[in-house]
PDB file of N, CA and C in Angstrom:
ATOM      1  N   MET A   1      86.093 -15.398 -47.444  1.00  0.00           N
ATOM      2  CA  MET A   1      86.127 -15.543 -48.889  1.00  0.00           C
ATOM      3  C   MET A   1      86.564 -14.206 -49.481  1.00  0.00           C
ATOM      4  N   SER A   2      87.479 -14.257 -50.411  1.00  0.00           N
ATOM      5  CA  SER A   2      87.966 -13.030 -51.042  1.00  0.00           C
ATOM      6  C   SER A   2      86.933 -12.484 -52.031  1.00  0.00           C
ATOM      7  N   LEU A   3      87.101 -11.235 -52.386  1.00  0.00           N
ATOM      8  CA  LEU A   3      86.202 -10.609 -53.352  1.00  0.00           C
ATOM      9  C   LEU A   3      86.236 -11.363 -54.685  1.00  0.00           C
ATOM     10  N   GLN A   4      87.417 -11.755 -55.119  1.00  0.00           N
ATOM     11  CA  GLN A   4      87.534 -12.486 -56.387  1.00  0.00           C
ATOM     12  C   GLN A   4      86.837 -13.843 -56.314  1.00  0.00           C
ATOM     13  N   GLU A   5      86.925 -14.505 -55.164  1.00  0.00           N
ATOM     14  CA  GLU A   5      86.238 -15.791 -54.999  1.00  0.00           C
ATOM     15  C   GLU A   5      84.729 -15.600 -55.062  1.00  0.00           C
ATOM     16  N   GLU A   6      84.237 -14.507 -54.500  1.00  0.00           N
ATOM     17  CA  GLU A   6      82.802 -14.227 -54.560  1.00  0.00           C
ATOM     18  C   GLU A   6      82.366 -13.931 -55.990  1.00  0.00           C
ATOM     19  N   VAL A   7      83.183 -13.194 -56.722  1.00  0.00           N
ATOM     20  CA  VAL A   7      82.881 -12.920 -58.134  1.00  0.00           C
ATOM     21  C   VAL A   7      82.837 -14.227 -58.923  1.00  0.00           C
ATOM     22  N   ASP A   8      83.805 -15.090 -58.693  1.00  0.00           N
ATOM     23  CA  ASP A   8      83.835 -16.386 -59.384  1.00  0.00           C
ATOM     24  C   ASP A   8      82.606 -17.225 -59.042  1.00  0.00           C
ATOM     25  N   LEU A   9      82.191 -17.178 -57.790  1.00  0.00           N
ATOM     26  CA  LEU A   9      80.999 -17.912 -57.366  1.00  0.00           C
ATOM     27  C   LEU A   9      79.754 -17.365 -58.065  1.00  0.00           C
ATOM     28  N   LEU A  10      79.610 -16.051 -58.106  1.00  0.00           N
ATOM     29  CA  LEU A  10      78.468 -15.441 -58.791  1.00  0.00           C
ATOM     30  C   LEU A  10      78.458 -15.803 -60.271  1.00  0.00           C
ATOM     31  N   ARG A  11      79.625 -15.839 -60.893  1.00  0.00           N
ATOM     32  CA  ARG A  11      79.717 -16.132 -62.319  1.00  0.00           C
ATOM     33  C   ARG A  11      79.198 -17.530 -62.644  1.00  0.00           C
ATOM     34  N   ARG A  12      79.241 -18.433 -61.686  1.00  0.00           N
ATOM     35  CA  ARG A  12      78.756 -19.803 -61.915  1.00  0.00           C
ATOM     36  C   ARG A  12      77.244 -19.919 -61.803  1.00  0.00           C
ATOM     37  N   VAL A  13      76.582 -18.876 -61.315  1.00  0.00           N
ATOM     38  CA  VAL A  13      75.118 -18.870 -61.218  1.00  0.00           C
ATOM     39  C   VAL A  13      74.562 -18.427 -62.572  1.00  0.00           C
ATOM     40  N   PRO A  14      73.711 -19.232 -63.203  1.00  0.00           N
ATOM     41  CA  PRO A  14      73.208 -18.885 -64.537  1.00  0.00           C
ATOM     42  C   PRO A  14      72.626 -17.471 -64.638  1.00  0.00           C
ATOM     43  N   LEU A  15      71.969 -17.003 -63.610  1.00  0.00           N
ATOM     44  CA  LEU A  15      71.379 -15.661 -63.617  1.00  0.00           C
ATOM     45  C   LEU A  15      72.437 -14.576 -63.818  1.00  0.00           C
ATOM     46  N   PHE A  16      73.639 -14.802 -63.299  1.00  0.00           N
ATOM     47  CA  PHE A  16      74.703 -13.796 -63.352  1.00  0.00           C
ATOM     48  C   PHE A  16      75.791 -14.108 -64.375  1.00  0.00           C
ATOM     49  N   ALA A  17      75.692 -15.209 -65.072  1.00  0.00           N
ATOM     50  CA  ALA A  17      76.776 -15.696 -65.931  1.00  0.00           C
ATOM     51  C   ALA A  17      77.192 -14.721 -67.029  1.00  0.00           C
ATOM     52  N   LYS A  18      76.268 -13.940 -67.549  1.00  0.00           N
ATOM     53  CA  LYS A  18      76.596 -13.056 -68.673  1.00  0.00           C
ATOM     54  C   LYS A  18      76.820 -11.605 -68.260  1.00  0.00           C
ATOM     55  N   ILE A  19      76.840 -11.344 -66.981  1.00  0.00           N
ATOM     56  CA  ILE A  19      77.090  -9.982 -66.501  1.00  0.00           C
ATOM     57  C   ILE A  19      78.584  -9.690 -66.596  1.00  0.00           C
ATOM     58  N   GLU A  20      78.930  -8.491 -67.030  1.00  0.00           N
ATOM     59  CA  GLU A  20      80.341  -8.152 -67.204  1.00  0.00           C
ATOM     60  C   GLU A  20      81.079  -8.170 -65.859  1.00  0.00           C
ATOM     61  N   PRO A  21      82.350  -8.521 -65.878  1.00  0.00           N
ATOM     62  CA  PRO A  21      83.126  -8.697 -64.643  1.00  0.00           C
ATOM     63  C   PRO A  21      83.113  -7.497 -63.693  1.00  0.00           C
ATOM     64  N   ALA A  22      83.175  -6.291 -64.216  1.00  0.00           N
ATOM     65  CA  ALA A  22      83.179  -5.104 -63.350  1.00  0.00           C
ATOM     66  C   ALA A  22      81.875  -4.991 -62.565  1.00  0.00           C
ATOM     67  N   LYS A  23      80.769  -5.320 -63.199  1.00  0.00           N
ATOM     68  CA  LYS A  23      79.476  -5.254 -62.513  1.00  0.00           C
ATOM     69  C   LYS A  23      79.334  -6.384 -61.499  1.00  0.00           C
ATOM     70  N   LEU A  24      79.869  -7.559 -61.818  1.00  0.00           N
ATOM     71  CA  LEU A  24      79.850  -8.663 -60.854  1.00  0.00           C
ATOM     72  C   LEU A  24      80.689  -8.314 -59.629  1.00  0.00           C
ATOM     73  N   LYS A  25      81.810  -7.662 -59.855  1.00  0.00           N
ATOM     74  CA  LYS A  25      82.676  -7.257 -58.744  1.00  0.00           C
ATOM     75  C   LYS A  25      81.947  -6.261 -57.845  1.00  0.00           C
ATOM     76  N   LEU A  26      81.253  -5.307 -58.446  1.00  0.00           N
ATOM     77  CA  LEU A  26      80.473  -4.340 -57.678  1.00  0.00           C
ATOM     78  C   LEU A  26      79.361  -5.036 -56.901  1.00  0.00           C
ATOM     79  N   LEU A  27      78.683  -5.972 -57.531  1.00  0.00           N
ATOM     80  CA  LEU A  27      77.627  -6.732 -56.866  1.00  0.00           C
ATOM     81  C   LEU A  27      78.184  -7.504 -55.674  1.00  0.00           C
ATOM     82  N   ALA A  28      79.305  -8.174 -55.871  1.00  0.00           N
ATOM     83  CA  ALA A  28      79.923  -8.946 -54.790  1.00  0.00           C
ATOM     84  C   ALA A  28      80.361  -8.033 -53.650  1.00  0.00           C
ATOM     85  N   PHE A  29      80.896  -6.865 -53.983  1.00  0.00           N
ATOM     86  CA  PHE A  29      81.400  -5.934 -52.973  1.00  0.00           C
ATOM     87  C   PHE A  29      80.273  -5.341 -52.133  1.00  0.00           C
ATOM     88  N   THR A  30      79.145  -5.043 -52.758  1.00  0.00           N
ATOM     89  CA  THR A  30      78.059  -4.361 -52.054  1.00  0.00           C
ATOM     90  C   THR A  30      77.035  -5.306 -51.437  1.00  0.00           C
ATOM     91  N   SER A  31      77.168  -6.589 -51.705  1.00  0.00           N
ATOM     92  CA  SER A  31      76.196  -7.562 -51.210  1.00  0.00           C
ATOM     93  C   SER A  31      76.589  -8.122 -49.854  1.00  0.00           C
ATOM     94  N   GLU A  32      75.591  -8.597 -49.147  1.00  0.00           N
ATOM     95  CA  GLU A  32      75.810  -9.282 -47.877  1.00  0.00           C
ATOM     96  C   GLU A  32      75.625 -10.776 -48.119  1.00  0.00           C
ATOM     97  N   ARG A  33      76.581 -11.558 -47.670  1.00  0.00           N
ATOM     98  CA  ARG A  33      76.491 -13.007 -47.860  1.00  0.00           C
ATOM     99  C   ARG A  33      75.692 -13.610 -46.709  1.00  0.00           C
ATOM    100  N   LEU A  34      74.669 -14.381 -47.043  1.00  0.00           N
ATOM    101  CA  LEU A  34      73.825 -15.041 -46.058  1.00  0.00           C
ATOM    102  C   LEU A  34      73.915 -16.548 -46.249  1.00  0.00           C
ATOM    103  N   VAL A  35      73.822 -17.265 -45.157  1.00  0.00           N
ATOM    104  CA  VAL A  35      73.848 -18.724 -45.203  1.00  0.00           C
ATOM    105  C   VAL A  35      72.549 -19.229 -44.595  1.00  0.00           C
ATOM    106  N   PHE A  36      71.900 -20.148 -45.287  1.00  0.00           N
ATOM    107  CA  PHE A  36      70.642 -20.705 -44.818  1.00  0.00           C
ATOM    108  C   PHE A  36      70.807 -22.189 -44.539  1.00  0.00           C
ATOM    109  N   ALA A  37      70.127 -22.644 -43.525  1.00  0.00           N
ATOM    110  CA  ALA A  37      70.134 -24.065 -43.193  1.00  0.00           C
ATOM    111  C   ALA A  37      69.165 -24.798 -44.117  1.00  0.00           C
ATOM    112  N   PRO A  38      69.364 -26.092 -44.298  1.00  0.00           N
ATOM    113  CA  PRO A  38      68.412 -26.864 -45.104  1.00  0.00           C
ATOM    114  C   PRO A  38      66.987 -26.683 -44.560  1.00  0.00           C
ATOM    115  N   ASN A  39      66.048 -26.544 -45.463  1.00  0.00           N
ATOM    116  CA  ASN A  39      64.621 -26.377 -45.156  1.00  0.00           C
ATOM    117  C   ASN A  39      64.252 -25.008 -44.601  1.00  0.00           C
ATOM    118  N   ASP A  40      65.192 -24.066 -44.521  1.00  0.00           N
ATOM    119  CA  ASP A  40      64.837 -22.695 -44.146  1.00  0.00           C
ATOM    120  C   ASP A  40      63.978 -22.101 -45.258  1.00  0.00           C
ATOM    121  N   VAL A  41      62.955 -21.345 -44.892  1.00  0.00           N
ATOM    122  CA  VAL A  41      62.123 -20.660 -45.877  1.00  0.00           C
ATOM    123  C   VAL A  41      62.809 -19.342 -46.208  1.00  0.00           C
ATOM    124  N   VAL A  42      63.160 -19.153 -47.467  1.00  0.00           N
ATOM    125  CA  VAL A  42      63.830 -17.934 -47.896  1.00  0.00           C
ATOM    126  C   VAL A  42      62.796 -16.900 -48.336  1.00  0.00           C
ATOM    127  N   PHE A  43      61.762 -17.345 -49.037  1.00  0.00           N
ATOM    128  CA  PHE A  43      60.655 -16.468 -49.402  1.00  0.00           C
ATOM    129  C   PHE A  43      59.424 -17.318 -49.650  1.00  0.00           C
ATOM    130  N   GLU A  44      58.259 -16.678 -49.570  1.00  0.00           N
ATOM    131  CA  GLU A  44      56.994 -17.361 -49.832  1.00  0.00           C
ATOM    132  C   GLU A  44      56.212 -16.561 -50.859  1.00  0.00           C
ATOM    133  N   GLN A  45      55.460 -17.258 -51.676  1.00  0.00           N
ATOM    134  CA  GLN A  45      54.635 -16.602 -52.671  1.00  0.00           C
ATOM    135  C   GLN A  45      53.402 -16.019 -52.007  1.00  0.00           C
ATOM    136  N   GLY A  46      52.998 -14.834 -52.491  1.00  0.00           N
ATOM    137  CA  GLY A  46      51.763 -14.232 -52.036  1.00  0.00           C
ATOM    138  C   GLY A  46      51.941 -13.501 -50.802  1.00  0.00           C
TER     139      GLY A  46
END
């Protein structure tokens, strides 16, 4: 996936929708993409 495709993907997430494009690009560039299988526990409360 290209950097621009990752930025576009992040922009569709409500949490990131209003972040300016330059900051989204930086976030996409510095982040690691992880894939989880259905029913994988990503985090637990407490």
